[in-house]
Structure formats: C-alpha cells, structure tokens
Amino acid sequence: MKSTHALLTVLLLAFGFSSCNLFRAHHPEQWQKTTIMTPNQKVLFEGLVLALRKEDFKVGSGADAGAHRVVSGWRNHASPFKGRSYRERAIVLYEPQEDGGFLVRVRVERELNQSIRPLLPGSAKWERAPDQPEVSKRILQYVHSYLGGEWAPIEVAE
C-alpha cells in the first residue's frame, strides 16, 4: 500500500513538473551589433525601416524614432505539420555614440507553432525557438549598404 501511494505521488509530481518551464528549452537572445556612421538619426531611422522592408518585415506602429526602437510585425510561415509553422519578428535598438555614430542592435526572434492543427485559425500554440542571427546580420548589411560603410560586427558588453 505504501509503495503504491509513493509511486502515485512520484508520477503526479513528474507530470506536474513536465508541464512547467523547468524542462523546456531556454533560448538566449542573440543580438547582432554594429556601429553605423550617419549624419543624423532621421537618416539612420529611414535606413533601418528600408532594411526591414527589404527583408520582408512589416513596419508599422512598432517604429518609434523617439524611443530609438523599431519592432516589426510578425512574419508568418505556415505549414500543415506540427512544429513546422513559425513566425518571426525583428527588434532593432539604436543609441547615439560620442563619436557621432550610432550603436545598432538587431535581433530576430522566432516562435514555432506547436498546435496539432497549425493551419486552423485561432488554434496556434506559439513556443519560443532559437533566434535567427543570420537574418539579423542581413538586416545590418542592408543598412550599411543603404547608408554607406562596411559592415563589421562588434562585441559590446551588455
């Protein structure tokens, strides 16, 4: 009787822990950073918006030049299979530097749809997936192409 009770308790605890975040994969944020020399903030902001549009990210109310931040809308990729549908969005932060340039940080986050019926509207179950640093690098390359200069990633302590 005691062993059955102990076994049942262990099974209930295991089930409880499996549904919490302890056993889910943790994906760190992967920011790509560079310094961009540009005449002013307005020119940089327009270059960032153009670069995001070139990479097919929609930019709308998430673009705030005053806050030095651009957050795109979600870019969706549908698939009829569980875990194959995903969505991505770009987050761009920039800040002026003492030398007249701007430190620009770009991150493209991704979420996977873990729904059993991924194409059914309203049934999506989005779970965090690894960031897409290659897409972030392309966005920075587009900005450098528009504004001039060579793209070189930099290491910045957070």
C-alpha atoms as a PDB file:
ATOM      1  CA  MET A   1       0.000   0.000   0.000  1.00  0.00           C
ATOM      2  CA  LYS A   2       2.780   2.436   0.925  1.00  0.00           C
ATOM      3  CA  SER A   3       4.734   1.661  -2.244  1.00  0.00           C
ATOM      4  CA  THR A   4       1.627   2.241  -4.393  1.00  0.00           C
ATOM      5  CA  HIS A   5       0.990   5.555  -2.661  1.00  0.00           C
ATOM      6  CA  ALA A   6       4.647   6.598  -3.107  1.00  0.00           C
ATOM      7  CA  LEU A   7       4.602   5.570  -6.778  1.00  0.00           C
ATOM      8  CA  LEU A   8       1.413   7.542  -7.386  1.00  0.00           C
ATOM      9  CA  THR A   9       2.947  10.608  -5.689  1.00  0.00           C
ATOM     10  CA  VAL A  10       6.091  10.359  -7.819  1.00  0.00           C
ATOM     11  CA  LEU A  11       4.014  10.044 -11.006  1.00  0.00           C
ATOM     12  CA  LEU A  12       1.896  13.064 -10.083  1.00  0.00           C
ATOM     13  CA  LEU A  13       5.000  15.135  -9.320  1.00  0.00           C
ATOM     14  CA  ALA A  14       6.633  14.090 -12.593  1.00  0.00           C
ATOM     15  CA  PHE A  15       3.505  15.056 -14.514  1.00  0.00           C
ATOM     16  CA  GLY A  16       3.340  18.392 -12.710  1.00  0.00           C
ATOM     17  CA  PHE A  17       6.980  19.229 -13.417  1.00  0.00           C
ATOM     18  CA  SER A  18       6.721  18.211 -17.065  1.00  0.00           C
ATOM     19  CA  SER A  19       4.112  20.910 -17.676  1.00  0.00           C
ATOM     20  CA  CYS A  20       6.183  23.686 -16.078  1.00  0.00           C
ATOM     21  CA  ASN A  21       9.001  25.622 -17.705  1.00  0.00           C
ATOM     22  CA  LEU A  22      11.770  23.681 -15.969  1.00  0.00           C
ATOM     23  CA  PHE A  23      12.040  21.151 -18.783  1.00  0.00           C
ATOM     24  CA  ARG A  24      11.507  23.481 -21.726  1.00  0.00           C
ATOM     25  CA  ALA A  25      14.478  24.582 -23.767  1.00  0.00           C
ATOM     26  CA  HIS A  26      15.791  28.028 -22.910  1.00  0.00           C
ATOM     27  CA  HIS A  27      16.891  30.022 -25.927  1.00  0.00           C
ATOM     28  CA  PRO A  28      19.079  33.053 -25.193  1.00  0.00           C
ATOM     29  CA  GLU A  29      18.587  36.298 -27.052  1.00  0.00           C
ATOM     30  CA  GLN A  30      21.096  36.654 -29.893  1.00  0.00           C
ATOM     31  CA  TRP A  31      21.734  40.305 -30.704  1.00  0.00           C
ATOM     32  CA  GLN A  32      23.892  41.355 -33.638  1.00  0.00           C
ATOM     33  CA  LYS A  33      25.590  44.709 -33.088  1.00  0.00           C
ATOM     34  CA  THR A  34      27.438  47.206 -35.200  1.00  0.00           C
ATOM     35  CA  THR A  35      28.315  50.893 -35.316  1.00  0.00           C
ATOM     36  CA  ILE A  36      26.898  52.977 -38.140  1.00  0.00           C
ATOM     37  CA  MET A  37      28.240  56.399 -39.032  1.00  0.00           C
ATOM     38  CA  THR A  38      25.441  58.579 -40.361  1.00  0.00           C
ATOM     39  CA  PRO A  39      24.718  62.317 -40.494  1.00  0.00           C
ATOM     40  CA  ASN A  40      21.705  62.167 -38.208  1.00  0.00           C
ATOM     41  CA  GLN A  41      19.137  59.977 -36.527  1.00  0.00           C
ATOM     42  CA  LYS A  42      16.427  60.529 -39.154  1.00  0.00           C
ATOM     43  CA  VAL A  43      18.660  59.149 -41.907  1.00  0.00           C
ATOM     44  CA  LEU A  44      19.505  56.121 -39.760  1.00  0.00           C
ATOM     45  CA  PHE A  45      15.839  55.522 -38.919  1.00  0.00           C
ATOM     46  CA  GLU A  46      14.847  55.580 -42.594  1.00  0.00           C
ATOM     47  CA  GLY A  47      17.713  53.204 -43.442  1.00  0.00           C
ATOM     48  CA  LEU A  48      16.566  50.792 -40.729  1.00  0.00           C
ATOM     49  CA  VAL A  49      12.974  50.826 -41.976  1.00  0.00           C
ATOM     50  CA  LEU A  50      14.132  50.219 -45.561  1.00  0.00           C
ATOM     51  CA  ALA A  51      16.350  47.338 -44.452  1.00  0.00           C
ATOM     52  CA  LEU A  52      13.496  45.698 -42.537  1.00  0.00           C
ATOM     53  CA  ARG A  53      11.173  46.039 -45.524  1.00  0.00           C
ATOM     54  CA  LYS A  54      13.836  44.563 -47.806  1.00  0.00           C
ATOM     55  CA  GLU A  55      13.916  41.502 -45.517  1.00  0.00           C
ATOM     56  CA  ASP A  56      10.072  41.390 -45.766  1.00  0.00           C
ATOM     57  CA  PHE A  57       9.298  42.569 -42.223  1.00  0.00           C
ATOM     58  CA  LYS A  58       6.281  44.860 -41.922  1.00  0.00           C
ATOM     59  CA  VAL A  59       6.993  48.073 -40.049  1.00  0.00           C
ATOM     60  CA  GLY A  60       4.068  49.971 -38.602  1.00  0.00           C
ATOM     61  CA  SER A  61       3.178  51.240 -35.158  1.00  0.00           C
ATOM     62  CA  GLY A  62       6.203  49.417 -33.693  1.00  0.00           C
ATOM     63  CA  ALA A  63       8.514  52.012 -35.225  1.00  0.00           C
ATOM     64  CA  ASP A  64       9.291  54.747 -32.702  1.00  0.00           C
ATOM     65  CA  ALA A  65      12.135  57.077 -33.633  1.00  0.00           C
ATOM     66  CA  GLY A  66      11.814  58.932 -30.321  1.00  0.00           C
ATOM     67  CA  ALA A  67      12.392  55.731 -28.334  1.00  0.00           C
ATOM     68  CA  HIS A  68      15.270  54.633 -30.625  1.00  0.00           C
ATOM     69  CA  ARG A  69      13.426  51.381 -31.289  1.00  0.00           C
ATOM     70  CA  VAL A  70      11.792  49.556 -34.195  1.00  0.00           C
ATOM     71  CA  VAL A  71       9.746  46.397 -33.646  1.00  0.00           C
ATOM     72  CA  SER A  72       8.361  44.809 -36.784  1.00  0.00           C
ATOM     73  CA  GLY A  73       5.139  42.897 -37.150  1.00  0.00           C
ATOM     74  CA  TRP A  74       5.215  39.105 -37.209  1.00  0.00           C
ATOM     75  CA  ARG A  75       6.280  37.467 -40.481  1.00  0.00           C
ATOM     76  CA  ASN A  76       4.368  34.154 -40.718  1.00  0.00           C
ATOM     77  CA  HIS A  77       5.369  30.923 -42.482  1.00  0.00           C
ATOM     78  CA  ALA A  78       2.563  28.368 -42.475  1.00  0.00           C
ATOM     79  CA  SER A  79       2.939  24.606 -42.696  1.00  0.00           C
ATOM     80  CA  PRO A  80       0.395  21.798 -42.244  1.00  0.00           C
ATOM     81  CA  PHE A  81       2.732  19.954 -39.851  1.00  0.00           C
ATOM     82  CA  LYS A  82       3.079  20.474 -36.105  1.00  0.00           C
ATOM     83  CA  GLY A  83       6.264  22.359 -35.202  1.00  0.00           C
ATOM     84  CA  ARG A  84       6.987  23.419 -38.794  1.00  0.00           C
ATOM     85  CA  SER A  85       4.923  26.619 -38.871  1.00  0.00           C
ATOM     86  CA  TYR A  86       6.794  29.583 -37.481  1.00  0.00           C
ATOM     87  CA  ARG A  87       6.682  33.315 -37.157  1.00  0.00           C
ATOM     88  CA  GLU A  88       9.491  35.839 -36.846  1.00  0.00           C
ATOM     89  CA  ARG A  89       9.803  39.478 -35.929  1.00  0.00           C
ATOM     90  CA  ALA A  90      12.717  41.872 -35.867  1.00  0.00           C
ATOM     91  CA  ILE A  91      13.657  44.125 -32.974  1.00  0.00           C
ATOM     92  CA  VAL A  92      16.066  46.976 -33.642  1.00  0.00           C
ATOM     93  CA  LEU A  93      17.531  49.222 -30.955  1.00  0.00           C
ATOM     94  CA  TYR A  94      19.933  52.068 -31.610  1.00  0.00           C
ATOM     95  CA  GLU A  95      21.667  54.670 -29.485  1.00  0.00           C
ATOM     96  CA  PRO A  96      23.904  57.635 -30.290  1.00  0.00           C
ATOM     97  CA  GLN A  97      27.612  57.338 -29.533  1.00  0.00           C
ATOM     98  CA  GLU A  98      30.108  60.034 -28.569  1.00  0.00           C
ATOM     99  CA  ASP A  99      31.917  59.799 -31.928  1.00  0.00           C
ATOM    100  CA  GLY A 100      28.779  60.846 -33.826  1.00  0.00           C
ATOM    101  CA  GLY A 101      27.807  57.343 -34.916  1.00  0.00           C
ATOM    102  CA  PHE A 102      25.098  55.033 -33.645  1.00  0.00           C
ATOM    103  CA  LEU A 103      25.351  51.671 -31.936  1.00  0.00           C
ATOM    104  CA  VAL A 104      22.723  49.464 -33.625  1.00  0.00           C
ATOM    105  CA  ARG A 105      21.468  46.164 -32.172  1.00  0.00           C
ATOM    106  CA  VAL A 106      19.275  43.778 -34.172  1.00  0.00           C
ATOM    107  CA  ARG A 107      17.544  40.614 -33.025  1.00  0.00           C
ATOM    108  CA  VAL A 108      15.182  38.381 -35.000  1.00  0.00           C
ATOM    109  CA  GLU A 109      13.113  36.227 -32.697  1.00  0.00           C
ATOM    110  CA  ARG A 110      11.295  33.088 -33.841  1.00  0.00           C
ATOM    111  CA  GLU A 111       8.358  31.151 -32.434  1.00  0.00           C
ATOM    112  CA  LEU A 112       7.157  27.703 -33.536  1.00  0.00           C
ATOM    113  CA  ASN A 113       3.512  26.682 -33.730  1.00  0.00           C
ATOM    114  CA  GLN A 114       3.097  23.517 -31.657  1.00  0.00           C
ATOM    115  CA  SER A 115      -0.611  23.142 -32.396  1.00  0.00           C
ATOM    116  CA  ILE A 116      -1.830  19.785 -33.698  1.00  0.00           C
ATOM    117  CA  ARG A 117      -3.897  21.723 -36.259  1.00  0.00           C
ATOM    118  CA  PRO A 118      -1.477  24.504 -37.255  1.00  0.00           C
ATOM    119  CA  LEU A 119      -3.474  25.805 -40.217  1.00  0.00           C
ATOM    120  CA  LEU A 120      -6.727  26.207 -38.277  1.00  0.00           C
ATOM    121  CA  PRO A 121      -7.172  29.909 -37.421  1.00  0.00           C
ATOM    122  CA  GLY A 122      -7.093  30.606 -33.709  1.00  0.00           C
ATOM    123  CA  SER A 123      -5.538  27.273 -32.710  1.00  0.00           C
ATOM    124  CA  ALA A 124      -1.897  28.369 -32.714  1.00  0.00           C
ATOM    125  CA  LYS A 125       0.253  27.496 -29.697  1.00  0.00           C
ATOM    126  CA  TRP A 126       3.411  29.560 -30.102  1.00  0.00           C
ATOM    127  CA  GLU A 127       6.571  28.496 -28.313  1.00  0.00           C
ATOM    128  CA  ARG A 128       9.899  30.299 -28.300  1.00  0.00           C
ATOM    129  CA  ALA A 129      12.537  28.956 -30.693  1.00  0.00           C
ATOM    130  CA  PRO A 130      16.170  29.984 -31.229  1.00  0.00           C
ATOM    131  CA  ASP A 131      16.776  33.492 -32.595  1.00  0.00           C
ATOM    132  CA  GLN A 132      17.840  33.916 -36.211  1.00  0.00           C
ATOM    133  CA  PRO A 133      21.252  35.666 -36.157  1.00  0.00           C
ATOM    134  CA  GLU A 134      21.810  35.215 -39.901  1.00  0.00           C
ATOM    135  CA  VAL A 135      18.693  37.261 -40.668  1.00  0.00           C
ATOM    136  CA  SER A 136      19.869  39.917 -38.196  1.00  0.00           C
ATOM    137  CA  LYS A 137      23.226  40.087 -39.985  1.00  0.00           C
ATOM    138  CA  ARG A 138      21.483  40.537 -43.350  1.00  0.00           C
ATOM    139  CA  ILE A 139      19.426  43.417 -41.946  1.00  0.00           C
ATOM    140  CA  LEU A 140      22.604  45.123 -40.709  1.00  0.00           C
ATOM    141  CA  GLN A 141      24.238  44.565 -44.105  1.00  0.00           C
ATOM    142  CA  TYR A 142      21.260  46.207 -45.836  1.00  0.00           C
ATOM    143  CA  VAL A 143      21.531  49.222 -43.508  1.00  0.00           C
ATOM    144  CA  HIS A 144      25.236  49.558 -44.280  1.00  0.00           C
ATOM    145  CA  SER A 145      24.520  49.199 -47.992  1.00  0.00           C
ATOM    146  CA  TYR A 146      21.938  51.982 -47.866  1.00  0.00           C
ATOM    147  CA  LEU A 147      23.966  54.339 -45.678  1.00  0.00           C
ATOM    148  CA  GLY A 148      27.488  53.521 -46.806  1.00  0.00           C
ATOM    149  CA  GLY A 149      30.375  51.964 -44.960  1.00  0.00           C
ATOM    150  CA  GLU A 150      31.405  48.390 -44.348  1.00  0.00           C
ATOM    151  CA  TRP A 151      29.543  46.110 -42.008  1.00  0.00           C
ATOM    152  CA  ALA A 152      31.640  44.794 -39.183  1.00  0.00           C
ATOM    153  CA  PRO A 153      30.102  43.115 -36.156  1.00  0.00           C
ATOM    154  CA  ILE A 154      31.282  44.351 -32.802  1.00  0.00           C
ATOM    155  CA  GLU A 155      31.342  42.857 -29.347  1.00  0.00           C
ATOM    156  CA  VAL A 156      29.613  45.018 -26.764  1.00  0.00           C
ATOM    157  CA  ALA A 157      29.302  44.128 -23.108  1.00  0.00           C
ATOM    158  CA  GLU A 158      25.642  44.065 -22.085  1.00  0.00           C
END
